[in-house]
């Protein structure tokens, strides 16, 4: 039992010690699949005209759409392991 508890603690320590991904890293690993080509109406990375009306809604709305899914975009944009901070970084990177 002690070994199991130690293993679980070590697993938590390893996960906690991993550095957060940057917005660019999340984008390149997950978002680019749709946002790179504009699949299913996804606004392309850096397309200021496409992102302008979305940005007017505010970052809170964009975050909720990314976190929970919106239209054809799945929840978390396929990055189920992303933290809220990583997801927000990806949104900021993608929209600018």
N, C-alpha and C. Protein backbone atom coordinates (compact mmCIF):
# COMPACT_ATOMS: atom_id res chain seq x y z
N UNK A 1 0.82 -1.19 0.00
CA UNK A 1 0.00 0.00 0.00
C UNK A 1 0.86 1.26 0.00
N UNK A 2 1.96 1.22 0.76
CA UNK A 2 2.85 2.37 0.80
C UNK A 2 3.46 2.63 -0.57
N UNK A 3 3.77 1.54 -1.28
CA UNK A 3 4.35 1.70 -2.62
C UNK A 3 3.36 2.37 -3.57
N UNK A 4 2.10 1.97 -3.46
CA UNK A 4 1.07 2.57 -4.31
C UNK A 4 0.92 4.06 -4.00
N UNK A 5 0.88 4.39 -2.72
CA UNK A 5 0.75 5.81 -2.34
C UNK A 5 1.95 6.60 -2.84
N UNK A 6 3.14 6.03 -2.71
CA UNK A 6 4.36 6.70 -3.18
C UNK A 6 4.32 6.88 -4.69
N UNK A 7 3.88 5.86 -5.41
CA UNK A 7 3.80 5.94 -6.87
C UNK A 7 2.82 7.03 -7.29
N UNK A 8 1.68 7.11 -6.60
CA UNK A 8 0.69 8.14 -6.93
C UNK A 8 1.23 9.53 -6.63
N UNK A 9 1.94 9.68 -5.54
CA UNK A 9 2.54 10.97 -5.22
C UNK A 9 3.58 11.36 -6.26
N UNK A 10 4.39 10.42 -6.67
CA UNK A 10 5.43 10.69 -7.66
C UNK A 10 4.80 11.09 -9.00
N UNK A 11 3.73 10.41 -9.38
CA UNK A 11 3.04 10.74 -10.62
C UNK A 11 2.53 12.16 -10.56
N UNK A 12 1.96 12.55 -9.44
CA UNK A 12 1.48 13.92 -9.27
C UNK A 12 2.60 14.93 -9.33
N UNK A 13 3.74 14.58 -8.76
CA UNK A 13 4.89 15.49 -8.78
C UNK A 13 5.42 15.67 -10.19
N UNK A 14 5.45 14.60 -10.95
CA UNK A 14 5.93 14.71 -12.34
C UNK A 14 4.97 15.59 -13.14
N UNK A 15 3.68 15.35 -13.00
CA UNK A 15 2.70 16.14 -13.75
C UNK A 15 2.77 17.61 -13.34
N UNK A 16 2.93 17.85 -12.05
CA UNK A 16 2.98 19.23 -11.58
C UNK A 16 4.24 19.94 -12.02
N UNK A 17 5.30 19.17 -12.25
CA UNK A 17 6.57 19.80 -12.61
C UNK A 17 6.69 20.07 -14.11
N UNK A 18 5.78 19.54 -14.91
CA UNK A 18 5.84 19.78 -16.35
C UNK A 18 5.49 21.24 -16.63
N UNK A 19 6.26 21.83 -17.49
CA UNK A 19 6.03 23.24 -17.84
C UNK A 19 4.76 23.36 -18.67
N UNK A 20 4.06 24.45 -18.46
CA UNK A 20 2.85 24.72 -19.25
C UNK A 20 3.25 24.96 -20.70
N UNK A 21 2.37 24.54 -21.60
CA UNK A 21 2.60 24.78 -23.02
C UNK A 21 2.28 26.23 -23.34
N UNK A 22 3.00 26.78 -24.29
CA UNK A 22 2.70 28.14 -24.76
C UNK A 22 1.49 28.07 -25.69
N UNK A 23 0.93 29.24 -25.96
CA UNK A 23 -0.18 29.30 -26.91
C UNK A 23 0.22 28.78 -28.28
N UNK A 24 1.43 29.09 -28.69
CA UNK A 24 1.91 28.61 -29.99
C UNK A 24 2.06 27.10 -30.00
N UNK A 25 2.54 26.53 -28.91
CA UNK A 25 2.68 25.07 -28.84
C UNK A 25 1.31 24.38 -28.90
N UNK A 26 0.36 24.90 -28.15
CA UNK A 26 -1.00 24.32 -28.18
C UNK A 26 -1.57 24.44 -29.58
N UNK A 27 -1.43 25.62 -30.18
CA UNK A 27 -1.94 25.84 -31.53
C UNK A 27 -1.33 24.83 -32.51
N UNK A 28 -0.03 24.68 -32.47
CA UNK A 28 0.66 23.79 -33.41
C UNK A 28 0.34 22.31 -33.18
N UNK A 29 0.01 21.96 -31.95
CA UNK A 29 -0.29 20.56 -31.64
C UNK A 29 -1.77 20.22 -31.85
N UNK A 30 -2.66 21.20 -31.71
CA UNK A 30 -4.09 20.90 -31.72
C UNK A 30 -4.91 21.78 -32.66
N UNK A 31 -4.73 23.07 -32.59
CA UNK A 31 -5.62 24.01 -33.27
C UNK A 31 -5.37 24.11 -34.77
N UNK A 32 -4.13 23.93 -35.17
CA UNK A 32 -3.75 24.13 -36.57
C UNK A 32 -4.54 23.24 -37.52
N UNK A 33 -4.99 22.10 -37.05
CA UNK A 33 -5.72 21.16 -37.91
C UNK A 33 -6.91 21.87 -38.57
N UNK A 34 -7.64 22.64 -37.82
CA UNK A 34 -8.79 23.36 -38.37
C UNK A 34 -8.50 24.82 -38.66
N UNK A 35 -7.84 25.49 -37.72
CA UNK A 35 -7.61 26.93 -37.87
C UNK A 35 -6.53 27.25 -38.89
N UNK A 36 -5.71 26.30 -39.25
CA UNK A 36 -4.69 26.52 -40.26
C UNK A 36 -5.28 26.69 -41.66
N UNK A 37 -6.37 25.97 -41.92
CA UNK A 37 -6.98 25.99 -43.25
C UNK A 37 -8.39 26.56 -43.25
N UNK A 38 -8.92 26.89 -42.07
CA UNK A 38 -10.28 27.41 -42.01
C UNK A 38 -11.34 26.33 -42.16
N UNK A 39 -11.04 25.14 -41.68
CA UNK A 39 -11.97 24.01 -41.80
C UNK A 39 -13.28 24.31 -41.07
N UNK A 40 -14.39 24.01 -41.72
CA UNK A 40 -15.73 24.14 -41.15
C UNK A 40 -15.99 25.55 -40.60
N UNK A 41 -15.42 26.55 -41.23
CA UNK A 41 -15.65 27.93 -40.83
C UNK A 41 -14.77 28.43 -39.70
N UNK A 42 -13.79 27.64 -39.29
CA UNK A 42 -12.88 28.08 -38.23
C UNK A 42 -12.08 29.27 -38.73
N UNK A 43 -12.02 30.35 -37.95
CA UNK A 43 -11.22 31.50 -38.40
C UNK A 43 -9.74 31.12 -38.44
N UNK A 44 -9.08 31.48 -39.52
CA UNK A 44 -7.67 31.15 -39.68
C UNK A 44 -6.79 31.94 -38.72
N UNK A 45 -5.70 31.31 -38.34
CA UNK A 45 -4.73 31.95 -37.45
C UNK A 45 -4.28 33.29 -38.03
N UNK A 46 -4.40 34.35 -37.24
CA UNK A 46 -3.92 35.66 -37.64
C UNK A 46 -4.80 36.42 -38.62
N UNK A 47 -5.94 35.85 -39.02
CA UNK A 47 -6.84 36.53 -39.97
C UNK A 47 -7.64 37.58 -39.19
N UNK A 48 -7.14 38.79 -39.17
CA UNK A 48 -7.72 39.85 -38.34
C UNK A 48 -9.18 40.11 -38.67
N UNK A 49 -9.55 40.06 -39.96
CA UNK A 49 -10.94 40.31 -40.36
C UNK A 49 -11.86 39.21 -39.82
N UNK A 50 -11.42 37.98 -39.87
CA UNK A 50 -12.25 36.87 -39.39
C UNK A 50 -12.35 36.87 -37.87
N UNK A 51 -11.28 37.29 -37.21
CA UNK A 51 -11.27 37.28 -35.74
C UNK A 51 -11.94 38.51 -35.13
N UNK A 52 -12.03 39.63 -35.86
CA UNK A 52 -12.55 40.88 -35.29
C UNK A 52 -13.93 40.73 -34.64
N UNK A 53 -14.92 40.15 -35.33
CA UNK A 53 -16.23 40.04 -34.67
C UNK A 53 -16.21 39.09 -33.47
N UNK A 54 -15.35 38.14 -33.52
CA UNK A 54 -15.22 37.19 -32.39
C UNK A 54 -14.57 37.89 -31.19
N UNK A 55 -13.54 38.67 -31.46
CA UNK A 55 -12.85 39.39 -30.38
C UNK A 55 -13.77 40.41 -29.73
N UNK A 56 -14.71 40.98 -30.52
CA UNK A 56 -15.66 41.94 -29.97
C UNK A 56 -16.56 41.30 -28.91
N UNK A 57 -16.74 39.99 -28.99
CA UNK A 57 -17.55 39.27 -28.00
C UNK A 57 -16.84 39.20 -26.65
N UNK A 58 -15.53 39.37 -26.68
CA UNK A 58 -14.75 39.32 -25.46
C UNK A 58 -14.06 37.99 -25.26
N UNK A 59 -12.96 38.03 -24.53
CA UNK A 59 -12.17 36.82 -24.30
C UNK A 59 -12.92 35.79 -23.46
N UNK A 60 -13.80 36.26 -22.60
CA UNK A 60 -14.58 35.33 -21.77
C UNK A 60 -15.45 34.43 -22.66
N UNK A 61 -16.11 35.03 -23.64
CA UNK A 61 -16.95 34.27 -24.56
C UNK A 61 -16.10 33.33 -25.41
N UNK A 62 -14.98 33.84 -25.93
CA UNK A 62 -14.10 32.99 -26.73
C UNK A 62 -13.58 31.80 -25.91
N UNK A 63 -13.24 32.06 -24.66
CA UNK A 63 -12.77 30.99 -23.79
C UNK A 63 -13.87 29.95 -23.57
N UNK A 64 -15.07 30.40 -23.31
CA UNK A 64 -16.19 29.47 -23.09
C UNK A 64 -16.44 28.63 -24.35
N UNK A 65 -16.37 29.25 -25.51
CA UNK A 65 -16.56 28.50 -26.76
C UNK A 65 -15.46 27.44 -26.92
N UNK A 66 -14.23 27.84 -26.65
CA UNK A 66 -13.12 26.90 -26.78
C UNK A 66 -13.21 25.78 -25.75
N UNK A 67 -13.55 26.12 -24.54
CA UNK A 67 -13.60 25.14 -23.45
C UNK A 67 -14.75 24.15 -23.64
N UNK A 68 -15.91 24.65 -24.03
CA UNK A 68 -17.10 23.81 -24.10
C UNK A 68 -17.45 23.32 -25.50
N UNK A 69 -16.77 23.87 -26.50
CA UNK A 69 -17.09 23.54 -27.88
C UNK A 69 -18.07 24.55 -28.44
N UNK A 70 -18.00 24.77 -29.74
CA UNK A 70 -18.88 25.74 -30.39
C UNK A 70 -19.01 25.38 -31.86
N UNK A 71 -20.23 25.24 -32.31
CA UNK A 71 -20.51 24.82 -33.69
C UNK A 71 -19.72 23.54 -33.98
N UNK A 72 -18.85 23.53 -34.99
CA UNK A 72 -18.11 22.31 -35.35
C UNK A 72 -16.89 22.06 -34.46
N UNK A 73 -16.51 23.04 -33.63
CA UNK A 73 -15.32 22.86 -32.80
C UNK A 73 -15.64 22.03 -31.57
N UNK A 74 -14.88 20.97 -31.35
CA UNK A 74 -15.12 20.16 -30.15
C UNK A 74 -14.65 20.88 -28.88
N UNK A 75 -15.15 20.44 -27.77
CA UNK A 75 -14.72 20.99 -26.48
C UNK A 75 -13.21 20.87 -26.36
N UNK A 76 -12.60 21.92 -25.85
CA UNK A 76 -11.16 21.99 -25.65
C UNK A 76 -10.39 21.94 -26.97
N UNK A 77 -11.08 22.07 -28.08
CA UNK A 77 -10.42 22.08 -29.38
C UNK A 77 -9.51 20.88 -29.58
N UNK A 78 -9.86 19.75 -29.05
CA UNK A 78 -9.13 18.47 -29.08
C UNK A 78 -7.96 18.42 -28.10
N UNK A 79 -7.76 19.43 -27.28
CA UNK A 79 -6.66 19.42 -26.31
C UNK A 79 -7.22 19.12 -24.91
N UNK A 80 -7.65 17.91 -24.71
CA UNK A 80 -8.29 17.55 -23.44
C UNK A 80 -7.34 17.69 -22.25
N UNK A 81 -6.04 17.66 -22.50
CA UNK A 81 -5.08 17.77 -21.40
C UNK A 81 -4.68 19.21 -21.10
N UNK A 82 -5.16 20.15 -21.88
CA UNK A 82 -4.79 21.55 -21.67
C UNK A 82 -5.41 22.11 -20.40
N UNK A 83 -4.65 22.95 -19.74
CA UNK A 83 -5.18 23.69 -18.61
C UNK A 83 -5.96 24.88 -19.15
N UNK A 84 -6.70 25.54 -18.28
CA UNK A 84 -7.42 26.74 -18.70
C UNK A 84 -6.44 27.80 -19.19
N UNK A 85 -5.31 27.93 -18.51
CA UNK A 85 -4.30 28.93 -18.90
C UNK A 85 -3.72 28.61 -20.27
N UNK A 86 -3.47 27.34 -20.55
CA UNK A 86 -2.94 26.95 -21.86
C UNK A 86 -3.97 27.19 -22.95
N UNK A 87 -5.22 26.90 -22.65
CA UNK A 87 -6.29 27.13 -23.61
C UNK A 87 -6.42 28.62 -23.93
N UNK A 88 -6.37 29.45 -22.90
CA UNK A 88 -6.45 30.90 -23.10
C UNK A 88 -5.25 31.39 -23.91
N UNK A 89 -4.07 30.87 -23.62
CA UNK A 89 -2.87 31.25 -24.38
C UNK A 89 -3.03 30.89 -25.86
N UNK A 90 -3.62 29.74 -26.12
CA UNK A 90 -3.83 29.31 -27.51
C UNK A 90 -4.82 30.24 -28.22
N UNK A 91 -5.86 30.65 -27.52
CA UNK A 91 -6.84 31.57 -28.11
C UNK A 91 -6.16 32.89 -28.46
N UNK A 92 -5.39 33.42 -27.53
CA UNK A 92 -4.71 34.69 -27.77
C UNK A 92 -3.72 34.57 -28.93
N UNK A 93 -3.01 33.47 -29.00
CA UNK A 93 -2.04 33.27 -30.08
C UNK A 93 -2.78 33.17 -31.42
N UNK A 94 -3.85 32.39 -31.45
CA UNK A 94 -4.59 32.15 -32.69
C UNK A 94 -5.25 33.40 -33.22
N UNK A 95 -5.76 34.22 -32.33
CA UNK A 95 -6.53 35.39 -32.74
C UNK A 95 -5.66 36.59 -33.13
N UNK A 96 -4.38 36.55 -32.83
CA UNK A 96 -3.55 37.71 -33.10
C UNK A 96 -2.39 37.40 -34.02
